[in-house]
Amino acid sequence: MTISMFQASIPVLIRGLTNLQAILGKGQAHAAEKQIDPSVLTGARLFPDMHPLARQVHIATDTAKGCAARLAGVEAPKFDDVEFTFDELNARIQKTIDYLKEFNAAQIDGSETRTVTLKMRSGPVEFNGQSYLLGFAMPNFYFHITTAYDILRHNGVELGKLDFLGKPNS
């Protein structure tokens, strides 16, 4: 059995973002229950030189939409990073999910060999589509979702592994 580039990207990104919405929902409920200003959580960091929770969400969503667009050979929409409340962050995630749902297999499949060029601080970096997806986009996507999870967990939100993994698919 083979797995297509579409199967390895779009549904996986949507699932990760859906799980991130649920994680943020638990953070928001925790803030309400404990009477904590929600901005304390959305502005929290694991370490002073790391990005806060809100920025982790910005980067996770940018990575997801950028991944889909690059694999399809189209321009990704630009989202301004102006979301800082739980409701705003969840709306941004939903906007990203809605964007990802616009892609179909015909746009993504066959992108294994498509050249993907990223503009990095050190200069452009080129990948083939498969290396970009599996070696850069997905690890980066999960890094920022994991960091968002870790920030909330570190701040007392009752989260477990299944919150990160989500409900099993059949």
C-alpha atoms as a PDB file:
ATOM      1  CA  MET A   1       0.000   0.000   0.000  1.00  0.00           C
ATOM      2  CA  THR A   2       1.251   3.450  -0.832  1.00  0.00           C
ATOM      3  CA  ILE A   3       0.344   6.741   0.757  1.00  0.00           C
ATOM      4  CA  SER A   4      -0.153   9.798  -1.386  1.00  0.00           C
ATOM      5  CA  MET A   5       1.222  13.269  -0.754  1.00  0.00           C
ATOM      6  CA  PHE A   6      -2.347  14.461  -0.231  1.00  0.00           C
ATOM      7  CA  GLN A   7      -3.042  11.774   2.386  1.00  0.00           C
ATOM      8  CA  ALA A   8       0.246  12.553   4.146  1.00  0.00           C
ATOM      9  CA  SER A   9      -0.462  16.274   4.299  1.00  0.00           C
ATOM     10  CA  ILE A  10      -3.934  17.803   4.208  1.00  0.00           C
ATOM     11  CA  PRO A  11      -5.858  15.401   6.501  1.00  0.00           C
ATOM     12  CA  VAL A  12      -2.889  15.257   8.895  1.00  0.00           C
ATOM     13  CA  LEU A  13      -2.663  19.052   9.089  1.00  0.00           C
ATOM     14  CA  ILE A  14      -6.419  19.366   9.612  1.00  0.00           C
ATOM     15  CA  ARG A  15      -6.327  16.779  12.389  1.00  0.00           C
ATOM     16  CA  GLY A  16      -3.434  18.538  14.144  1.00  0.00           C
ATOM     17  CA  LEU A  17      -5.215  21.887  13.957  1.00  0.00           C
ATOM     18  CA  THR A  18      -8.486  20.374  15.174  1.00  0.00           C
ATOM     19  CA  ASN A  19      -6.630  18.903  18.146  1.00  0.00           C
ATOM     20  CA  LEU A  20      -5.004  22.296  18.769  1.00  0.00           C
ATOM     21  CA  GLN A  21      -8.461  23.882  18.889  1.00  0.00           C
ATOM     22  CA  ALA A  22      -9.492  21.376  21.553  1.00  0.00           C
ATOM     23  CA  ILE A  23      -6.286  22.037  23.506  1.00  0.00           C
ATOM     24  CA  LEU A  24      -6.928  25.780  23.427  1.00  0.00           C
ATOM     25  CA  GLY A  25     -10.514  25.111  24.491  1.00  0.00           C
ATOM     26  CA  LYS A  26      -9.232  23.373  27.592  1.00  0.00           C
ATOM     27  CA  GLY A  27      -6.917  26.321  28.236  1.00  0.00           C
ATOM     28  CA  GLN A  28      -9.801  28.751  27.959  1.00  0.00           C
ATOM     29  CA  ALA A  29     -11.977  26.642  30.276  1.00  0.00           C
ATOM     30  CA  HIS A  30      -9.107  26.399  32.771  1.00  0.00           C
ATOM     31  CA  ALA A  31      -8.711  30.181  32.815  1.00  0.00           C
ATOM     32  CA  ALA A  32     -12.442  30.640  33.444  1.00  0.00           C
ATOM     33  CA  GLU A  33     -12.598  27.951  36.129  1.00  0.00           C
ATOM     34  CA  LYS A  34      -9.535  29.221  38.004  1.00  0.00           C
ATOM     35  CA  GLN A  35     -10.422  32.894  37.414  1.00  0.00           C
ATOM     36  CA  ILE A  36      -7.141  33.521  35.605  1.00  0.00           C
ATOM     37  CA  ASP A  37      -6.897  36.354  33.095  1.00  0.00           C
ATOM     38  CA  PRO A  38      -6.814  34.381  29.801  1.00  0.00           C
ATOM     39  CA  SER A  39      -4.073  36.669  28.475  1.00  0.00           C
ATOM     40  CA  VAL A  40      -1.784  35.209  31.135  1.00  0.00           C
ATOM     41  CA  LEU A  41      -2.052  31.881  29.304  1.00  0.00           C
ATOM     42  CA  THR A  42      -2.033  33.175  25.723  1.00  0.00           C
ATOM     43  CA  GLY A  43       1.018  35.279  26.574  1.00  0.00           C
ATOM     44  CA  ALA A  44       2.804  32.526  28.507  1.00  0.00           C
ATOM     45  CA  ARG A  45       6.155  31.121  27.353  1.00  0.00           C
ATOM     46  CA  LEU A  46       8.173  28.074  28.331  1.00  0.00           C
ATOM     47  CA  PHE A  47      11.313  30.201  28.604  1.00  0.00           C
ATOM     48  CA  PRO A  48      11.914  33.946  28.202  1.00  0.00           C
ATOM     49  CA  ASP A  49      13.576  33.607  24.785  1.00  0.00           C
ATOM     50  CA  MET A  50      10.764  31.459  23.357  1.00  0.00           C
ATOM     51  CA  HIS A  51       7.577  32.629  21.653  1.00  0.00           C
ATOM     52  CA  PRO A  52       4.359  32.874  23.691  1.00  0.00           C
ATOM     53  CA  LEU A  53       1.363  30.610  23.183  1.00  0.00           C
ATOM     54  CA  ALA A  54      -0.357  32.970  20.733  1.00  0.00           C
ATOM     55  CA  ARG A  55       2.714  33.076  18.495  1.00  0.00           C
ATOM     56  CA  GLN A  56       2.985  29.271  18.578  1.00  0.00           C
ATOM     57  CA  VAL A  57      -0.541  29.162  17.134  1.00  0.00           C
ATOM     58  CA  HIS A  58       0.342  31.773  14.502  1.00  0.00           C
ATOM     59  CA  ILE A  59       3.338  29.727  13.367  1.00  0.00           C
ATOM     60  CA  ALA A  60       1.472  26.388  13.392  1.00  0.00           C
ATOM     61  CA  THR A  61      -1.275  27.825  11.188  1.00  0.00           C
ATOM     62  CA  ASP A  62       1.216  29.572   8.895  1.00  0.00           C
ATOM     63  CA  THR A  63       3.129  26.308   8.533  1.00  0.00           C
ATOM     64  CA  ALA A  64      -0.047  24.385   7.671  1.00  0.00           C
ATOM     65  CA  LYS A  65      -1.327  26.800   5.045  1.00  0.00           C
ATOM     66  CA  GLY A  66       2.165  27.333   3.636  1.00  0.00           C
ATOM     67  CA  CYS A  67       2.721  23.601   3.339  1.00  0.00           C
ATOM     68  CA  ALA A  68      -0.489  23.038   1.398  1.00  0.00           C
ATOM     69  CA  ALA A  69       0.128  26.002  -0.876  1.00  0.00           C
ATOM     70  CA  ARG A  70       3.735  25.084  -1.627  1.00  0.00           C
ATOM     71  CA  LEU A  71       2.853  21.483  -2.424  1.00  0.00           C
ATOM     72  CA  ALA A  72       0.042  22.660  -4.712  1.00  0.00           C
ATOM     73  CA  GLY A  73       2.228  25.303  -6.342  1.00  0.00           C
ATOM     74  CA  VAL A  74      -0.004  28.219  -5.325  1.00  0.00           C
ATOM     75  CA  GLU A  75       0.455  31.311  -3.190  1.00  0.00           C
ATOM     76  CA  ALA A  76      -0.660  30.983   0.441  1.00  0.00           C
ATOM     77  CA  PRO A  77      -2.930  33.655   1.893  1.00  0.00           C
ATOM     78  CA  LYS A  78      -1.301  36.091   4.321  1.00  0.00           C
ATOM     79  CA  PHE A  79      -2.753  36.175   7.813  1.00  0.00           C
ATOM     80  CA  ASP A  80      -1.815  39.154   9.955  1.00  0.00           C
ATOM     81  CA  ASP A  81      -0.649  38.018  13.374  1.00  0.00           C
ATOM     82  CA  VAL A  82      -3.245  39.989  15.330  1.00  0.00           C
ATOM     83  CA  GLU A  83      -4.974  37.182  17.245  1.00  0.00           C
ATOM     84  CA  PHE A  84      -4.217  37.032  20.949  1.00  0.00           C
ATOM     85  CA  THR A  85      -7.364  35.865  22.752  1.00  0.00           C
ATOM     86  CA  PHE A  86      -8.489  32.244  22.834  1.00  0.00           C
ATOM     87  CA  ASP A  87     -11.488  33.091  20.643  1.00  0.00           C
ATOM     88  CA  GLU A  88      -9.311  34.921  18.114  1.00  0.00           C
ATOM     89  CA  LEU A  89      -6.763  32.096  18.028  1.00  0.00           C
ATOM     90  CA  ASN A  90      -9.491  29.499  17.503  1.00  0.00           C
ATOM     91  CA  ALA A  91     -10.973  31.606  14.694  1.00  0.00           C
ATOM     92  CA  ARG A  92      -7.554  31.736  13.024  1.00  0.00           C
ATOM     93  CA  ILE A  93      -7.206  27.972  13.324  1.00  0.00           C
ATOM     94  CA  GLN A  94     -10.679  27.502  11.831  1.00  0.00           C
ATOM     95  CA  LYS A  95      -9.822  29.868   8.959  1.00  0.00           C
ATOM     96  CA  THR A  96      -6.742  27.725   8.289  1.00  0.00           C
ATOM     97  CA  ILE A  97      -8.754  24.490   8.408  1.00  0.00           C
ATOM     98  CA  ASP A  98     -11.282  25.987   5.979  1.00  0.00           C
ATOM     99  CA  TYR A  99      -8.417  26.950   3.644  1.00  0.00           C
ATOM    100  CA  LEU A 100      -6.931  23.439   3.816  1.00  0.00           C
ATOM    101  CA  LYS A 101     -10.317  21.913   2.969  1.00  0.00           C
ATOM    102  CA  GLU A 102     -10.226  23.772  -0.359  1.00  0.00           C
ATOM    103  CA  PHE A 103      -7.396  21.507  -1.573  1.00  0.00           C
ATOM    104  CA  ASN A 104      -8.027  18.222  -3.338  1.00  0.00           C
ATOM    105  CA  ALA A 105      -5.820  15.253  -4.104  1.00  0.00           C
ATOM    106  CA  ALA A 106      -5.264  16.315  -7.722  1.00  0.00           C
ATOM    107  CA  GLN A 107      -3.590  19.535  -6.530  1.00  0.00           C
ATOM    108  CA  ILE A 108      -1.207  17.827  -4.075  1.00  0.00           C
ATOM    109  CA  ASP A 109      -0.522  14.345  -5.441  1.00  0.00           C
ATOM    110  CA  GLY A 110       2.555  14.235  -7.640  1.00  0.00           C
ATOM    111  CA  SER A 111       4.244  17.014  -5.670  1.00  0.00           C
ATOM    112  CA  GLU A 112       6.922  14.622  -4.368  1.00  0.00           C
ATOM    113  CA  THR A 113       9.400  16.009  -6.883  1.00  0.00           C
ATOM    114  CA  ARG A 114       8.129  19.602  -7.048  1.00  0.00           C
ATOM    115  CA  THR A 115      10.846  22.068  -6.070  1.00  0.00           C
ATOM    116  CA  VAL A 116       9.955  23.958  -2.910  1.00  0.00           C
ATOM    117  CA  THR A 117      12.106  26.967  -2.099  1.00  0.00           C
ATOM    118  CA  LEU A 118      11.958  28.571   1.340  1.00  0.00           C
ATOM    119  CA  LYS A 119      13.333  32.006   2.049  1.00  0.00           C
ATOM    120  CA  MET A 120      15.315  31.605   5.245  1.00  0.00           C
ATOM    121  CA  ARG A 121      17.353  34.178   7.146  1.00  0.00           C
ATOM    122  CA  SER A 122      20.527  32.492   5.904  1.00  0.00           C
ATOM    123  CA  GLY A 123      19.268  32.473   2.317  1.00  0.00           C
ATOM    124  CA  PRO A 124      17.025  30.304   0.147  1.00  0.00           C
ATOM    125  CA  VAL A 125      16.772  26.585   0.869  1.00  0.00           C
ATOM    126  CA  GLU A 126      15.484  24.141  -1.751  1.00  0.00           C
ATOM    127  CA  PHE A 127      13.691  20.858  -1.115  1.00  0.00           C
ATOM    128  CA  ASN A 128      11.837  18.400  -3.254  1.00  0.00           C
ATOM    129  CA  GLY A 129       8.188  18.181  -2.206  1.00  0.00           C
ATOM    130  CA  GLN A 130       8.501  14.951  -0.263  1.00  0.00           C
ATOM    131  CA  SER A 131      11.557  16.101   1.687  1.00  0.00           C
ATOM    132  CA  TYR A 132       9.867  19.426   2.402  1.00  0.00           C
ATOM    133  CA  LEU A 133       6.702  17.741   3.698  1.00  0.00           C
ATOM    134  CA  LEU A 134       8.307  14.995   5.763  1.00  0.00           C
ATOM    135  CA  GLY A 135      11.563  16.620   6.835  1.00  0.00           C
ATOM    136  CA  PHE A 136      10.596  20.257   7.341  1.00  0.00           C
ATOM    137  CA  ALA A 137       6.905  21.174   7.263  1.00  0.00           C
ATOM    138  CA  MET A 138       5.517  18.366   9.423  1.00  0.00           C
ATOM    139  CA  PRO A 139       8.260  18.492  12.082  1.00  0.00           C
ATOM    140  CA  ASN A 140       7.895  22.293  12.266  1.00  0.00           C
ATOM    141  CA  PHE A 141       4.091  22.035  12.459  1.00  0.00           C
ATOM    142  CA  TYR A 142       4.226  19.507  15.291  1.00  0.00           C
ATOM    143  CA  PHE A 143       6.954  21.440  17.110  1.00  0.00           C
ATOM    144  CA  HIS A 144       4.679  24.458  17.448  1.00  0.00           C
ATOM    145  CA  ILE A 145       1.583  22.438  18.364  1.00  0.00           C
ATOM    146  CA  THR A 146       3.618  20.551  20.964  1.00  0.00           C
ATOM    147  CA  THR A 147       5.007  23.795  22.353  1.00  0.00           C
ATOM    148  CA  ALA A 148       1.489  25.261  22.618  1.00  0.00           C
ATOM    149  CA  TYR A 149       0.392  22.115  24.463  1.00  0.00           C
ATOM    150  CA  ASP A 150       3.452  22.297  26.736  1.00  0.00           C
ATOM    151  CA  ILE A 151       2.863  25.957  27.595  1.00  0.00           C
ATOM    152  CA  LEU A 152      -0.683  25.237  28.731  1.00  0.00           C
ATOM    153  CA  ARG A 153       0.281  22.051  30.558  1.00  0.00           C
ATOM    154  CA  HIS A 154       3.127  23.885  32.317  1.00  0.00           C
ATOM    155  CA  ASN A 155       0.567  26.447  33.470  1.00  0.00           C
ATOM    156  CA  GLY A 156      -1.673  23.858  35.092  1.00  0.00           C
ATOM    157  CA  VAL A 157      -4.138  23.058  32.326  1.00  0.00           C
ATOM    158  CA  GLU A 158      -5.209  19.440  32.680  1.00  0.00           C
ATOM    159  CA  LEU A 159      -4.090  17.989  29.379  1.00  0.00           C
ATOM    160  CA  GLY A 160      -3.011  14.478  28.525  1.00  0.00           C
ATOM    161  CA  LYS A 161      -1.484  12.662  25.591  1.00  0.00           C
ATOM    162  CA  LEU A 162      -4.893  11.957  24.053  1.00  0.00           C
ATOM    163  CA  ASP A 163      -5.582  15.699  23.908  1.00  0.00           C
ATOM    164  CA  PHE A 164      -2.525  16.020  21.692  1.00  0.00           C
ATOM    165  CA  LEU A 165      -3.221  12.885  19.635  1.00  0.00           C
ATOM    166  CA  GLY A 166      -6.979  13.379  19.337  1.00  0.00           C
ATOM    167  CA  LYS A 167      -9.580  10.701  18.882  1.00  0.00           C
ATOM    168  CA  PRO A 168      -8.365   7.649  16.961  1.00  0.00           C
ATOM    169  CA  ASN A 169      -9.372   7.433  13.301  1.00  0.00           C
ATOM    170  CA  SER A 170     -10.519   4.185  11.801  1.00  0.00           C
END
